[in-house]
Amino acid sequence: MSDNRLSVFKTYKLYVGGKFPRSESGRVYEVTDSKGKWLANAPQSSRKDARDAVVAARKAFGGWSGATAYNRGQILYRVAEMLEGRKDQFVREVADAEGLSKSKAAAVVDAAIDRWVWYAGWTDKIGQVVGGANPVAGPFFNLSTPEPTGVVTVLAPQESSFLGLVSVIAPVIATGNTAVVIASARSPLPALSLGEVLATSDLPGGVVNILSGRTAEIATPLASHQDVNAIDLTGADTALAKELEIAAADNLKRVLRPPVSRHRPEKEAQSAAPPSPVDGEGGGATDWTADPGTRRLTAFLETKTVWHPTGALGVSGSSY
């Protein structure tokens, strides 16, 4: 092979509606590794890109929420299979994004794939955990069942470019919601590569939509968007989280607040967190390797309760 061969640099794009558009604005921004070395130009999403992502998520919601829980589990497991096949790529991107050694990055990627499999297994079980039959004083069946909230905006964690990302996306879609994801502004490349995996799995287009750019710029219109049903503020700093929570109240969105560590006193947060190159990025650290429990699975579920008469059996008046 010739030593004069030119490198083929990867072009990163958004993932919206199962397709890979460039930002509507035509803007990009430089992404660097932990040492300041240039890695790639990432799309800088606009408000129009955010609105397009909501349209795609809403269009996909009916089919995805109407699929059987077992089918959703199969599809999520297929995504894990695809991630396993592209592990080397994600190890490299996570190592660059988070300043980790190759071995530590490999452990993070393995944990992320395992986390995806874990949530895939919950799709047909969460209903039994949070639903059930309610005892009532009368000849009625009274059944409570969980249903997905709808379109969920997810602010991915800033400091965990892949494990944290998977930990906030997988539970949202496992329960039948669709998602508009704002990737880490500092380290968006693993998230944009995840879009390529989702596109080549069985996940219908629009179920997950991934945007990159300035967190506050993209999140602000999504928090007030009337067709967004819920918002996960994990990737927002304290000031931005408060602003978005106020905007979300306009149409009674469900809000999952940032981890408690993000609500430290401002002086303490500033001294503990590295300088933030993009307004609205969250500080504070979260242990994404810990057992996630079911909190994120239930955060974006509604409970539907149905009453139905039991009917009478025979002259005795007994019922079933």
Foldseek 3Di string as FASTA:
>chain_A
DDPPDDDDADDFAWAAQLDGDAAPVPDWDFAFFPVRHTRYTYGAHAQVLLVRLLVLQQVCQVVQQPDALLVLLVLLLQLLVLLVVCLVVQLVLQCRHQVHDSVVSSVLSVLQSVVSNVLSVCLNPVQVVPWDWDDDDAQKTKTKGKGFQEEEEEEFAQNRQGLSRSVQLRLNSSRRYAYEYEGRQNRPVSVSVSSVSSSPTPNRGSSYTYHYHFPLRHLQCVLQDLSHAAYELQFFAPVSQVNSVVSNPPNDHQYHGHPPQRVPPPVVQVVVFDDDPHPGGTGGDDDSSDDPPCCSNPSRIDMDMDMDGQDADDPVRDGD
